[in-house]
Amino acid sequence: MLTPRETEILGLVAEGRSNRSIAKVLRVSDATVRSHVYHVLMKLGLGDRAQALDRTADYVADNPIPPHLLTPGTRVAVPLWIKGEVDSWTCGEVLHEQGVGPEPYYVVRLNDGQECQGRPNLGSGAHCVIRVRG
């Protein structure tokens, strides 16, 4: 199972970002990112970064995290859905919960500065993932 930081790295790799770009977003060194990418690929049994894109959806669906851990500041991988299909991935930070009841929405600030609303993918218990429909 990936650590929360490795899950975040997986989401950024799935965006197509370079190690240097990921390092800038996370404010860490390129060497740290290379190490994380290496561990992600090894843990998931992947040969290269291209395979990470295909594996991202499967990984997050198979590795649950309780919704109560989606507190402000939590970094999340965000699949962007178009017509029932994952079109692309991005990452963001949970700003706050919105709504009440068993299925609240969360407001997330994406890496590009935009805000969106979404729900944790509770059907599959997705790990730190907010499902956002486009």
C-alpha atoms as a PDB file:
ATOM      1  CA  MET A   1       0.000   0.000   0.000  1.00  0.00           C
ATOM      2  CA  LEU A   2       1.234   3.468  -0.839  1.00  0.00           C
ATOM      3  CA  THR A   3       1.832   6.103   1.797  1.00  0.00           C
ATOM      4  CA  PRO A   4      -0.252   9.294   1.582  1.00  0.00           C
ATOM      5  CA  ARG A   5       2.748  11.109   0.043  1.00  0.00           C
ATOM      6  CA  GLU A   6       3.238   8.311  -2.512  1.00  0.00           C
ATOM      7  CA  THR A   7      -0.468   8.501  -3.378  1.00  0.00           C
ATOM      8  CA  GLU A   8      -0.057  12.223  -3.954  1.00  0.00           C
ATOM      9  CA  ILE A   9       3.000  11.552  -6.131  1.00  0.00           C
ATOM     10  CA  LEU A  10       0.987   8.977  -8.113  1.00  0.00           C
ATOM     11  CA  GLY A  11      -1.696  11.588  -8.786  1.00  0.00           C
ATOM     12  CA  LEU A  12       0.891  14.123  -9.941  1.00  0.00           C
ATOM     13  CA  VAL A  13       2.593  11.546 -12.183  1.00  0.00           C
ATOM     14  CA  ALA A  14      -0.845  10.724 -13.609  1.00  0.00           C
ATOM     15  CA  GLU A  15      -1.189  14.431 -14.490  1.00  0.00           C
ATOM     16  CA  GLY A  16       1.860  13.961 -16.703  1.00  0.00           C
ATOM     17  CA  ARG A  17       4.119  16.149 -14.561  1.00  0.00           C
ATOM     18  CA  SER A  18       7.897  15.881 -14.627  1.00  0.00           C
ATOM     19  CA  ASN A  19       9.925  15.200 -11.472  1.00  0.00           C
ATOM     20  CA  ARG A  20      11.003  18.860 -11.449  1.00  0.00           C
ATOM     21  CA  SER A  21       7.378  20.033 -11.679  1.00  0.00           C
ATOM     22  CA  ILE A  22       6.320  17.668  -8.881  1.00  0.00           C
ATOM     23  CA  ALA A  23       9.221  18.867  -6.718  1.00  0.00           C
ATOM     24  CA  LYS A  24       8.118  22.468  -7.220  1.00  0.00           C
ATOM     25  CA  VAL A  25       4.484  21.715  -6.285  1.00  0.00           C
ATOM     26  CA  LEU A  26       5.468  19.767  -3.166  1.00  0.00           C
ATOM     27  CA  ARG A  27       8.421  22.012  -2.257  1.00  0.00           C
ATOM     28  CA  VAL A  28      10.878  19.112  -2.082  1.00  0.00           C
ATOM     29  CA  SER A  29      14.054  18.231  -3.991  1.00  0.00           C
ATOM     30  CA  ASP A  30      14.132  16.472  -7.348  1.00  0.00           C
ATOM     31  CA  ALA A  31      15.977  13.595  -5.636  1.00  0.00           C
ATOM     32  CA  THR A  32      13.133  13.180  -3.144  1.00  0.00           C
ATOM     33  CA  VAL A  33      10.612  13.021  -5.972  1.00  0.00           C
ATOM     34  CA  ARG A  34      12.750  10.486  -7.889  1.00  0.00           C
ATOM     35  CA  SER A  35      12.850   8.330  -4.771  1.00  0.00           C
ATOM     36  CA  HIS A  36       9.072   8.521  -4.292  1.00  0.00           C
ATOM     37  CA  VAL A  37       8.389   7.783  -7.968  1.00  0.00           C
ATOM     38  CA  TYR A  38      10.722   4.784  -7.805  1.00  0.00           C
ATOM     39  CA  HIS A  39       8.920   3.422  -4.712  1.00  0.00           C
ATOM     40  CA  VAL A  40       5.484   3.982  -6.272  1.00  0.00           C
ATOM     41  CA  LEU A  41       6.483   2.112  -9.428  1.00  0.00           C
ATOM     42  CA  MET A  42       8.057  -0.726  -7.428  1.00  0.00           C
ATOM     43  CA  LYS A  43       5.110  -1.092  -5.016  1.00  0.00           C
ATOM     44  CA  LEU A  44       2.608  -1.158  -7.883  1.00  0.00           C
ATOM     45  CA  GLY A  45       4.746  -3.447 -10.046  1.00  0.00           C
ATOM     46  CA  LEU A  46       4.967  -0.907 -12.857  1.00  0.00           C
ATOM     47  CA  GLY A  47       7.761  -0.637 -15.388  1.00  0.00           C
ATOM     48  CA  ASP A  48       7.477   3.075 -16.139  1.00  0.00           C
ATOM     49  CA  ARG A  49       5.563   6.299 -15.558  1.00  0.00           C
ATOM     50  CA  ALA A  50       3.255   5.693 -18.522  1.00  0.00           C
ATOM     51  CA  GLN A  51       1.843   2.613 -16.803  1.00  0.00           C
ATOM     52  CA  ALA A  52       1.148   4.707 -13.692  1.00  0.00           C
ATOM     53  CA  LEU A  53      -1.621   6.582 -15.495  1.00  0.00           C
ATOM     54  CA  ASP A  54      -3.524   3.379 -16.211  1.00  0.00           C
ATOM     55  CA  ARG A  55      -2.940   2.011 -12.712  1.00  0.00           C
ATOM     56  CA  THR A  56      -3.990   5.146 -10.801  1.00  0.00           C
ATOM     57  CA  ALA A  57      -7.736   4.509 -10.999  1.00  0.00           C
ATOM     58  CA  ASP A  58      -7.336   0.874  -9.953  1.00  0.00           C
ATOM     59  CA  TYR A  59      -5.070   1.743  -7.028  1.00  0.00           C
ATOM     60  CA  VAL A  60      -7.269   4.414  -5.513  1.00  0.00           C
ATOM     61  CA  ALA A  61     -10.368   2.234  -5.874  1.00  0.00           C
ATOM     62  CA  ASP A  62      -8.700  -0.656  -4.048  1.00  0.00           C
ATOM     63  CA  ASN A  63      -7.197   1.262  -1.106  1.00  0.00           C
ATOM     64  CA  PRO A  64      -9.782   2.874   1.165  1.00  0.00           C
ATOM     65  CA  ILE A  65      -9.315   5.712   3.599  1.00  0.00           C
ATOM     66  CA  PRO A  66     -12.105   6.732   5.996  1.00  0.00           C
ATOM     67  CA  PRO A  67     -13.901   9.906   4.871  1.00  0.00           C
ATOM     68  CA  HIS A  68     -13.360  11.483   8.306  1.00  0.00           C
ATOM     69  CA  LEU A  69      -9.666  11.790   7.395  1.00  0.00           C
ATOM     70  CA  LEU A  70     -10.543  14.246   4.619  1.00  0.00           C
ATOM     71  CA  THR A  71      -9.862  17.243   6.831  1.00  0.00           C
ATOM     72  CA  PRO A  72      -8.826  20.718   5.666  1.00  0.00           C
ATOM     73  CA  GLY A  73      -5.330  20.596   4.247  1.00  0.00           C
ATOM     74  CA  THR A  74      -5.497  16.929   3.173  1.00  0.00           C
ATOM     75  CA  ARG A  75      -3.883  16.502  -0.260  1.00  0.00           C
ATOM     76  CA  VAL A  76      -6.093  14.490  -2.601  1.00  0.00           C
ATOM     77  CA  ALA A  77      -5.861  12.917  -6.035  1.00  0.00           C
ATOM     78  CA  VAL A  78      -8.791  14.050  -8.138  1.00  0.00           C
ATOM     79  CA  PRO A  79     -10.087  12.163 -11.186  1.00  0.00           C
ATOM     80  CA  LEU A  80     -11.967  14.456 -13.539  1.00  0.00           C
ATOM     81  CA  TRP A  81     -14.924  12.635 -15.063  1.00  0.00           C
ATOM     82  CA  ILE A  82     -16.446  13.357 -18.463  1.00  0.00           C
ATOM     83  CA  LYS A  83     -19.461  11.341 -19.628  1.00  0.00           C
ATOM     84  CA  GLY A  84     -18.911   8.588 -17.063  1.00  0.00           C
ATOM     85  CA  GLU A  85     -15.205   8.116 -17.861  1.00  0.00           C
ATOM     86  CA  VAL A  86     -12.083   9.405 -16.125  1.00  0.00           C
ATOM     87  CA  ASP A  87     -10.786  12.027 -18.544  1.00  0.00           C
ATOM     88  CA  SER A  88      -7.712  13.109 -16.591  1.00  0.00           C
ATOM     89  CA  TRP A  89      -6.213  13.402 -13.103  1.00  0.00           C
ATOM     90  CA  THR A  90      -5.140  16.321 -11.007  1.00  0.00           C
ATOM     91  CA  CYS A  91      -4.378  16.943  -7.348  1.00  0.00           C
ATOM     92  CA  GLY A  92      -5.598  19.421  -4.814  1.00  0.00           C
ATOM     93  CA  GLU A  93      -6.135  20.242  -1.174  1.00  0.00           C
ATOM     94  CA  VAL A  94      -9.334  19.856   0.838  1.00  0.00           C
ATOM     95  CA  LEU A  95     -10.542  23.283   1.961  1.00  0.00           C
ATOM     96  CA  HIS A  96     -13.639  22.287   3.915  1.00  0.00           C
ATOM     97  CA  GLU A  97     -16.636  19.982   4.107  1.00  0.00           C
ATOM     98  CA  GLN A  98     -19.902  21.254   2.704  1.00  0.00           C
ATOM     99  CA  GLY A  99     -23.256  19.705   3.392  1.00  0.00           C
ATOM    100  CA  VAL A 100     -24.378  17.308   6.047  1.00  0.00           C
ATOM    101  CA  GLY A 101     -25.478  13.736   6.309  1.00  0.00           C
ATOM    102  CA  PRO A 102     -23.867  10.479   5.298  1.00  0.00           C
ATOM    103  CA  GLU A 103     -22.513  11.808   1.977  1.00  0.00           C
ATOM    104  CA  PRO A 104     -21.181  15.340   2.395  1.00  0.00           C
ATOM    105  CA  TYR A 105     -19.463  17.250  -0.372  1.00  0.00           C
ATOM    106  CA  TYR A 106     -15.955  18.590  -0.008  1.00  0.00           C
ATOM    107  CA  VAL A 107     -14.586  21.785  -1.491  1.00  0.00           C
ATOM    108  CA  VAL A 108     -11.138  21.211  -2.985  1.00  0.00           C
ATOM    109  CA  ARG A 109      -8.631  23.737  -4.344  1.00  0.00           C
ATOM    110  CA  LEU A 110      -6.935  22.138  -7.341  1.00  0.00           C
ATOM    111  CA  ASN A 111      -3.270  22.666  -8.193  1.00  0.00           C
ATOM    112  CA  ASP A 112      -4.246  25.215 -10.850  1.00  0.00           C
ATOM    113  CA  GLY A 113      -6.011  27.331  -8.188  1.00  0.00           C
ATOM    114  CA  GLN A 114      -9.575  26.479  -9.229  1.00  0.00           C
ATOM    115  CA  GLU A 115     -12.014  25.239  -6.622  1.00  0.00           C
ATOM    116  CA  CYS A 116     -14.399  22.358  -7.153  1.00  0.00           C
ATOM    117  CA  GLN A 117     -16.879  20.337  -5.158  1.00  0.00           C
ATOM    118  CA  GLY A 118     -16.950  16.593  -4.969  1.00  0.00           C
ATOM    119  CA  ARG A 119     -17.666  13.544  -2.890  1.00  0.00           C
ATOM    120  CA  PRO A 120     -15.279  10.861  -1.773  1.00  0.00           C
ATOM    121  CA  ASN A 121     -15.761   7.860  -4.036  1.00  0.00           C
ATOM    122  CA  LEU A 122     -17.405   5.960  -1.186  1.00  0.00           C
ATOM    123  CA  GLY A 123     -18.712   3.168  -3.385  1.00  0.00           C
ATOM    124  CA  SER A 124     -15.207   1.845  -3.806  1.00  0.00           C
ATOM    125  CA  GLY A 125     -13.777   3.449  -0.669  1.00  0.00           C
ATOM    126  CA  ALA A 126     -11.246   5.365  -2.745  1.00  0.00           C
ATOM    127  CA  HIS A 127      -8.059   6.503  -1.044  1.00  0.00           C
ATOM    128  CA  CYS A 128      -7.980  10.290  -0.709  1.00  0.00           C
ATOM    129  CA  VAL A 129      -9.930  10.732  -3.895  1.00  0.00           C
ATOM    130  CA  ILE A 130     -12.642  13.220  -4.621  1.00  0.00           C
ATOM    131  CA  ARG A 131     -14.784  12.303  -7.593  1.00  0.00           C
ATOM    132  CA  VAL A 132     -15.575  15.401  -9.618  1.00  0.00           C
ATOM    133  CA  ARG A 133     -17.939  15.227 -12.553  1.00  0.00           C
ATOM    134  CA  GLY A 134     -17.153  17.399 -15.569  1.00  0.00           C
END
